[in-house]
Amino acid sequence: MNEQQIIEWLLEGDVSIQYQVYRDLLENDKRDLQDRIAKEGWGNQFLSKCNKNGHWGNRFYQPKWISTHYTLLDLRNLNLNPDNDIVKEAIELTLNSGKADDGGIPLGPSTSHHSDVCVNGMFLNYASYFKTEEKELCSIVDSFLQEIMPDSGFNCITTRSGAKHSSLHSTISVLEGLNEFQKSGYTYRIKDIQSAKESAEEFILLHQLFLSDRTGEIINKDFLKMPYPSRWKYDILRALDYFQYAGSTWDKRMESALDIIQNKKNKNGSWNLNVAHPGQVHFTMEKAGKSSRWNTLRAMRILKHFKIKNY
């Protein structure tokens, strides 16, 4: 398939895919499509799973992928209309349940002292996207900024067993949260946030997105796979999609990761969903091992943003 045929194939997908194709590849922000996400397809399926108490699963974080937390992250990534009342009520319920001593969102009653930077990064991402009041998010920002590691990234185990080196998993989640906070127009500690973003981005770039800065070896071969949804886990497609969404300029240190993604392109012009993270889900959006509209969309908007020829 040529580029136009690939776009036509993408536009045969879920309405959330259609909306992002028009916005990111065709530069036409069709808000009528965005409004349909809550009424049909994947967006409607997620929203229909909400319990009468306003949560999904067993409240905020259990069971893992069908909890309120991960469902809200899925809905944010679908680009549901930010004014959705069901989502806003779920975020309010979570905030009303109380915060940890460090100002973040606890995973449950037994974790009230420290929060988890990965989860708080994801929470800040969707809470900012869904226009939560800024004053409710300030303590979460504070909790991040006191968890910056000496190497400028983040690691969620610092609040549990300790850590000496930042984690790419944690760092990308925090970056997505801080970036969405900025994009939403909030101004709290904006200079500190920008500084933290720049240094955390440099941490990822220092590793060329997947290589050890000490040995040059691949840190984790799973980083080269392209699952979706990403959940809390890092991979190079997620990282490059972050950089395009953040409006970053091209950096030579992205090249090796981008080459790997380009080499994964199918002969028909699509990209596969390589693997799915195990665990209970509300429903399956795409099957592993098959051509993926999610991965094709993400790869194409990365190549378009960085002006890579023959995207």
Protein backbone atom coordinates (compact mmCIF):
# COMPACT_ATOMS: atom_id res chain seq x y z
CA MET A 1 0.00 0.00 0.00
CA ASN A 2 1.15 3.53 -0.69
CA GLU A 3 0.87 6.32 1.87
CA GLN A 4 -2.63 7.35 0.78
CA GLN A 5 -3.85 3.75 0.96
CA ILE A 6 -2.38 3.38 4.45
CA ILE A 7 -4.21 6.50 5.57
CA GLU A 8 -7.43 5.17 4.08
CA TRP A 9 -6.87 1.91 5.97
CA LEU A 10 -6.30 3.86 9.20
CA LEU A 11 -9.52 5.78 8.61
CA GLU A 12 -11.41 2.48 8.53
CA GLY A 13 -10.47 1.99 12.18
CA ASP A 14 -12.01 3.10 15.46
CA VAL A 15 -13.25 6.68 15.62
CA SER A 16 -10.43 7.54 18.06
CA ILE A 17 -7.90 6.44 15.43
CA GLN A 18 -9.79 8.42 12.78
CA TYR A 19 -9.67 11.56 14.92
CA GLN A 20 -5.91 11.33 15.51
CA VAL A 21 -5.20 10.54 11.84
CA TYR A 22 -7.02 13.69 10.77
CA ARG A 23 -5.34 15.77 13.48
CA ASP A 24 -1.79 14.41 13.32
CA LEU A 25 -1.34 13.27 9.73
CA LEU A 26 -3.84 15.37 7.77
CA GLU A 27 -3.66 18.51 9.96
CA ASN A 28 -7.42 18.76 10.32
CA ASP A 29 -8.65 18.79 13.93
CA LYS A 30 -12.13 17.33 13.37
CA ARG A 31 -13.80 17.92 16.74
CA ASP A 32 -16.98 16.24 15.52
CA LEU A 33 -14.99 13.00 15.40
CA GLN A 34 -13.61 13.59 18.88
CA ASP A 35 -17.15 14.06 20.21
CA ARG A 36 -18.10 10.66 18.80
CA ILE A 37 -15.40 8.81 20.78
CA ALA A 38 -17.62 8.68 23.89
CA LYS A 39 -20.60 7.41 21.91
CA GLU A 40 -19.15 4.59 19.83
CA GLY A 41 -16.29 2.13 19.49
CA TRP A 42 -13.54 1.73 22.05
CA GLY A 43 -14.33 4.92 23.95
CA ASN A 44 -17.93 3.90 24.51
CA GLN A 45 -16.83 0.40 25.53
CA PHE A 46 -14.48 1.76 28.20
CA LEU A 47 -17.07 4.20 29.53
CA SER A 48 -19.75 1.49 29.66
CA LYS A 49 -17.54 -0.53 32.05
CA CYS A 50 -17.74 2.17 34.74
CA ASN A 51 -19.36 0.87 37.95
CA LYS A 52 -22.25 2.57 39.74
CA ASN A 53 -19.79 3.87 42.35
CA GLY A 54 -17.95 5.86 39.67
CA HIS A 55 -14.89 3.60 39.48
CA TRP A 56 -13.69 0.85 37.16
CA GLY A 57 -12.51 -2.52 38.49
CA ASN A 58 -12.02 -2.47 42.26
CA ARG A 59 -11.48 1.27 42.65
CA PHE A 60 -8.28 3.15 41.83
CA TYR A 61 -5.54 0.58 41.14
CA GLN A 62 -6.95 -2.95 41.34
CA PRO A 63 -7.08 -5.13 39.26
CA LYS A 64 -4.19 -3.66 37.31
CA TRP A 65 -5.37 -3.04 33.73
CA ILE A 66 -9.12 -2.71 34.44
CA SER A 67 -8.76 -0.37 37.41
CA THR A 68 -9.89 3.25 37.38
CA HIS A 69 -6.30 4.38 36.92
CA TYR A 70 -5.48 2.44 33.77
CA THR A 71 -8.95 2.93 32.28
CA LEU A 72 -8.57 6.70 32.62
CA LEU A 73 -5.14 6.45 30.97
CA ASP A 74 -6.68 4.48 28.10
CA LEU A 75 -9.42 7.08 27.67
CA ARG A 76 -6.89 9.89 27.67
CA ASN A 77 -4.89 8.12 24.96
CA LEU A 78 -8.04 7.68 22.89
CA ASN A 79 -8.27 11.49 23.03
CA LEU A 80 -11.76 11.45 24.48
CA ASN A 81 -13.32 14.92 24.75
CA PRO A 82 -11.68 16.47 27.86
CA ASP A 83 -15.06 17.67 29.15
CA ASN A 84 -16.43 14.15 29.69
CA ASP A 85 -18.42 14.09 32.95
CA ILE A 86 -17.90 10.40 33.74
CA VAL A 87 -14.13 10.82 33.63
CA LYS A 88 -14.15 14.07 35.60
CA GLU A 89 -16.20 12.45 38.36
CA ALA A 90 -13.79 9.51 38.56
CA ILE A 91 -10.79 11.83 38.91
CA GLU A 92 -12.64 13.82 41.59
CA LEU A 93 -13.46 10.61 43.48
CA THR A 94 -9.79 9.65 43.43
CA LEU A 95 -8.65 13.04 44.68
CA ASN A 96 -11.32 13.04 47.41
CA SER A 97 -9.97 9.71 48.67
CA GLY A 98 -6.91 11.57 49.93
CA LYS A 99 -3.27 11.95 49.04
CA ALA A 100 -0.13 10.34 50.38
CA ASP A 101 2.09 12.20 52.82
CA ASP A 102 4.33 13.29 49.93
CA GLY A 103 1.39 14.89 48.10
CA GLY A 104 0.97 12.21 45.44
CA ILE A 105 -1.81 9.73 44.77
CA PRO A 106 -1.43 6.57 46.90
CA LEU A 107 -1.99 3.15 45.33
CA GLY A 108 -4.20 2.17 48.25
CA PRO A 109 -4.81 2.62 52.00
CA SER A 110 -1.64 0.69 52.91
CA THR A 111 0.59 3.04 50.87
CA SER A 112 -0.35 6.36 52.42
CA HIS A 113 3.17 7.54 53.22
CA HIS A 114 4.80 7.52 49.79
CA SER A 115 3.24 7.58 46.37
CA ASP A 116 4.67 6.06 43.19
CA VAL A 117 6.23 8.37 40.60
CA CYS A 118 5.19 6.16 37.65
CA VAL A 119 1.54 6.16 38.72
CA ASN A 120 1.64 9.86 39.55
CA GLY A 121 3.16 10.60 36.15
CA MET A 122 0.28 8.79 34.47
CA PHE A 123 -2.23 10.42 36.81
CA LEU A 124 -0.89 13.91 36.09
CA ASN A 125 -1.06 13.10 32.37
CA TYR A 126 -4.76 12.26 32.29
CA ALA A 127 -5.81 14.62 35.09
CA SER A 128 -4.23 17.54 33.21
CA TYR A 129 -5.73 16.41 29.91
CA PHE A 130 -9.21 16.23 31.47
CA LYS A 131 -8.88 19.78 32.88
CA THR A 132 -8.66 19.02 36.59
CA GLU A 133 -8.40 22.15 38.73
CA GLU A 134 -4.76 23.25 38.96
CA LYS A 135 -4.80 23.52 42.76
CA GLU A 136 -5.55 19.79 42.99
CA LEU A 137 -2.42 18.95 41.00
CA CYS A 138 0.16 21.20 42.66
CA SER A 139 1.12 18.73 45.40
CA ILE A 140 1.59 16.01 42.76
CA VAL A 141 4.00 18.27 40.87
CA ASP A 142 5.81 18.92 44.16
CA SER A 143 6.11 15.18 44.79
CA PHE A 144 7.87 14.73 41.42
CA LEU A 145 10.26 17.57 41.82
CA GLN A 146 11.55 16.17 45.13
CA GLU A 147 12.16 12.75 43.53
CA ILE A 148 14.61 13.79 40.79
CA MET A 149 17.55 11.38 40.83
CA PRO A 150 21.19 12.53 40.65
CA ASP A 151 21.31 11.37 36.99
CA SER A 152 18.27 13.63 36.27
CA GLY A 153 15.67 10.92 35.71
CA PHE A 154 13.16 9.19 38.00
CA ASN A 155 12.75 5.76 39.56
CA CYS A 156 9.62 4.60 41.39
CA ILE A 157 11.50 2.20 43.65
CA THR A 158 13.20 5.10 45.46
CA THR A 159 10.12 5.17 47.71
CA ARG A 160 10.21 1.41 48.34
CA SER A 161 13.56 -0.38 48.23
CA GLY A 162 15.73 2.49 47.06
CA ALA A 163 17.52 3.07 43.75
CA LYS A 164 20.84 4.46 42.58
CA HIS A 165 20.00 4.88 38.90
CA SER A 166 16.95 6.27 37.13
CA SER A 167 14.49 4.04 35.32
CA LEU A 168 13.38 4.64 31.73
CA HIS A 169 9.96 3.26 32.72
CA SER A 170 9.49 5.86 35.45
CA THR A 171 11.12 8.69 33.55
CA ILE A 172 8.86 8.45 30.49
CA SER A 173 5.73 8.35 32.66
CA VAL A 174 6.79 11.44 34.56
CA LEU A 175 7.73 13.25 31.35
CA GLU A 176 4.32 12.54 29.82
CA GLY A 177 2.66 13.93 32.94
CA LEU A 178 4.77 17.07 33.17
CA ASN A 179 4.39 17.71 29.45
CA GLU A 180 0.58 17.43 29.60
CA PHE A 181 0.52 19.72 32.64
CA GLN A 182 2.36 22.34 30.57
CA LYS A 183 0.21 21.83 27.48
CA SER A 184 -2.94 22.31 29.54
CA GLY A 185 -1.89 25.85 30.40
CA TYR A 186 -1.16 25.43 34.10
CA THR A 187 1.51 27.73 35.46
CA TYR A 188 2.45 26.26 38.85
CA ARG A 189 6.26 25.96 39.19
CA ILE A 190 6.50 26.22 35.43
CA LYS A 191 10.24 27.01 35.38
CA ASP A 192 11.02 24.08 37.66
CA ILE A 193 8.91 21.80 35.48
CA GLN A 194 10.67 22.92 32.31
CA SER A 195 14.05 22.32 33.91
CA ALA A 196 13.00 18.87 35.13
CA LYS A 197 11.65 18.01 31.67
CA GLU A 198 14.82 19.06 29.90
CA SER A 199 17.07 17.09 32.23
CA ALA A 200 14.85 13.99 32.11
CA GLU A 201 14.74 14.15 28.31
CA GLU A 202 18.52 14.36 28.32
CA PHE A 203 18.63 11.22 30.48
CA ILE A 204 16.68 9.33 27.78
CA LEU A 205 18.78 10.79 24.97
CA LEU A 206 22.01 9.97 26.82
CA HIS A 207 20.93 6.33 26.50
CA GLN A 208 20.05 6.76 22.82
CA LEU A 209 16.57 5.66 24.00
CA PHE A 210 17.59 2.03 24.70
CA LEU A 211 21.35 1.61 25.23
CA SER A 212 23.45 1.53 28.38
CA ASP A 213 25.48 4.71 28.76
CA ARG A 214 28.27 2.61 30.30
CA THR A 215 28.52 -0.44 28.03
CA GLY A 216 26.57 0.53 24.91
CA GLU A 217 24.59 -2.71 25.20
CA ILE A 218 20.82 -2.91 24.88
CA ILE A 219 19.39 -2.27 28.34
CA ASN A 220 16.33 -4.48 27.87
CA LYS A 221 15.28 -6.17 24.62
CA ASP A 222 11.65 -5.51 25.56
CA PHE A 223 12.34 -1.83 24.89
CA LEU A 224 12.50 -2.71 21.17
CA LYS A 225 9.05 -4.30 21.13
CA MET A 226 5.99 -2.24 20.30
CA PRO A 227 3.06 -3.15 22.58
CA TYR A 228 -0.08 -1.09 22.92
CA PRO A 229 -1.38 0.07 25.32
CA SER A 230 2.03 0.76 26.83
CA ARG A 231 0.73 0.82 30.42
CA TRP A 232 3.65 1.81 32.71
CA LYS A 233 6.27 0.13 30.53
CA TYR A 234 8.87 1.89 28.42
CA ASP A 235 9.62 1.19 24.77
CA ILE A 236 11.28 3.15 21.99
CA LEU A 237 8.07 3.83 20.06
CA ARG A 238 6.48 5.30 23.17
CA ALA A 239 9.58 7.44 23.75
CA LEU A 240 9.69 8.81 20.20
CA ASP A 241 5.94 9.45 20.29
CA TYR A 242 6.54 11.47 23.46
CA PHE A 243 9.22 13.55 21.74
CA GLN A 244 6.99 14.29 18.73
CA TYR A 245 4.06 15.23 21.00
CA ALA A 246 6.33 17.48 23.07
CA GLY A 247 7.39 19.24 19.85
CA SER A 248 11.03 18.29 20.29
CA THR A 249 13.57 18.96 17.57
CA TRP A 250 15.55 16.15 15.98
CA ASP A 251 18.46 14.82 17.98
CA LYS A 252 21.08 12.53 16.43
CA ARG A 253 20.81 10.26 19.46
CA MET A 254 17.28 9.27 18.36
CA GLU A 255 18.58 7.79 15.13
CA SER A 256 19.30 4.21 16.22
CA ALA A 257 15.85 3.82 17.79
CA LEU A 258 14.17 5.31 14.74
CA ASP A 259 16.08 2.96 12.45
CA ILE A 260 14.78 -0.01 14.43
CA ILE A 261 11.21 1.24 14.12
CA GLN A 262 11.56 1.84 10.39
CA ASN A 263 12.98 -1.68 9.95
CA LYS A 264 9.87 -3.08 11.62
CA LYS A 265 7.65 -1.63 8.90
CA ASN A 266 5.73 -4.28 6.95
CA LYS A 267 5.94 -4.51 3.18
CA ASN A 268 2.34 -3.26 2.99
CA GLY A 269 3.31 -0.05 4.82
CA SER A 270 1.84 -0.90 8.23
CA TRP A 271 3.43 -1.78 11.56
CA ASN A 272 2.47 -4.77 13.69
CA LEU A 273 1.45 -4.95 17.29
CA ASN A 274 4.41 -7.09 18.35
CA VAL A 275 3.18 -8.16 21.76
CA ALA A 276 0.51 -7.40 24.34
CA HIS A 277 1.21 -6.97 28.05
CA PRO A 278 -0.37 -9.88 29.97
CA GLY A 279 -3.23 -9.24 32.37
CA GLN A 280 -6.99 -8.81 32.55
CA VAL A 281 -8.42 -6.21 30.16
CA HIS A 282 -11.88 -4.76 29.54
CA PHE A 283 -11.61 -5.87 25.90
CA THR A 284 -8.93 -6.31 23.24
CA MET A 285 -8.43 -3.38 20.90
CA GLU A 286 -5.97 -5.13 18.57
CA LYS A 287 -4.45 -8.59 18.29
CA ALA A 288 -0.73 -9.16 18.77
CA GLY A 289 1.13 -10.27 15.66
CA LYS A 290 -1.23 -8.43 13.32
CA SER A 291 -1.05 -5.08 11.55
CA SER A 292 -1.81 -2.41 14.13
CA ARG A 293 -3.53 0.87 13.46
CA TRP A 294 -2.25 2.18 16.79
CA ASN A 295 1.40 1.45 15.95
CA THR A 296 1.07 2.54 12.34
CA LEU A 297 -0.47 5.85 13.40
CA ARG A 298 2.19 6.44 16.04
CA ALA A 299 5.08 5.53 13.74
CA MET A 300 3.75 7.72 10.93
CA ARG A 301 3.25 10.79 13.10
CA ILE A 302 6.77 10.38 14.50
CA LEU A 303 8.24 10.24 10.99
CA LYS A 304 6.10 13.18 9.89
CA HIS A 305 7.11 15.30 12.88
CA PHE A 306 10.82 14.70 12.36
CA LYS A 307 10.44 15.17 8.59
CA ILE A 308 11.85 11.74 7.76
CA LYS A 309 11.65 11.10 4.01
CA ASN A 310 9.15 8.57 2.69
CA TYR A 311 7.18 8.54 5.93
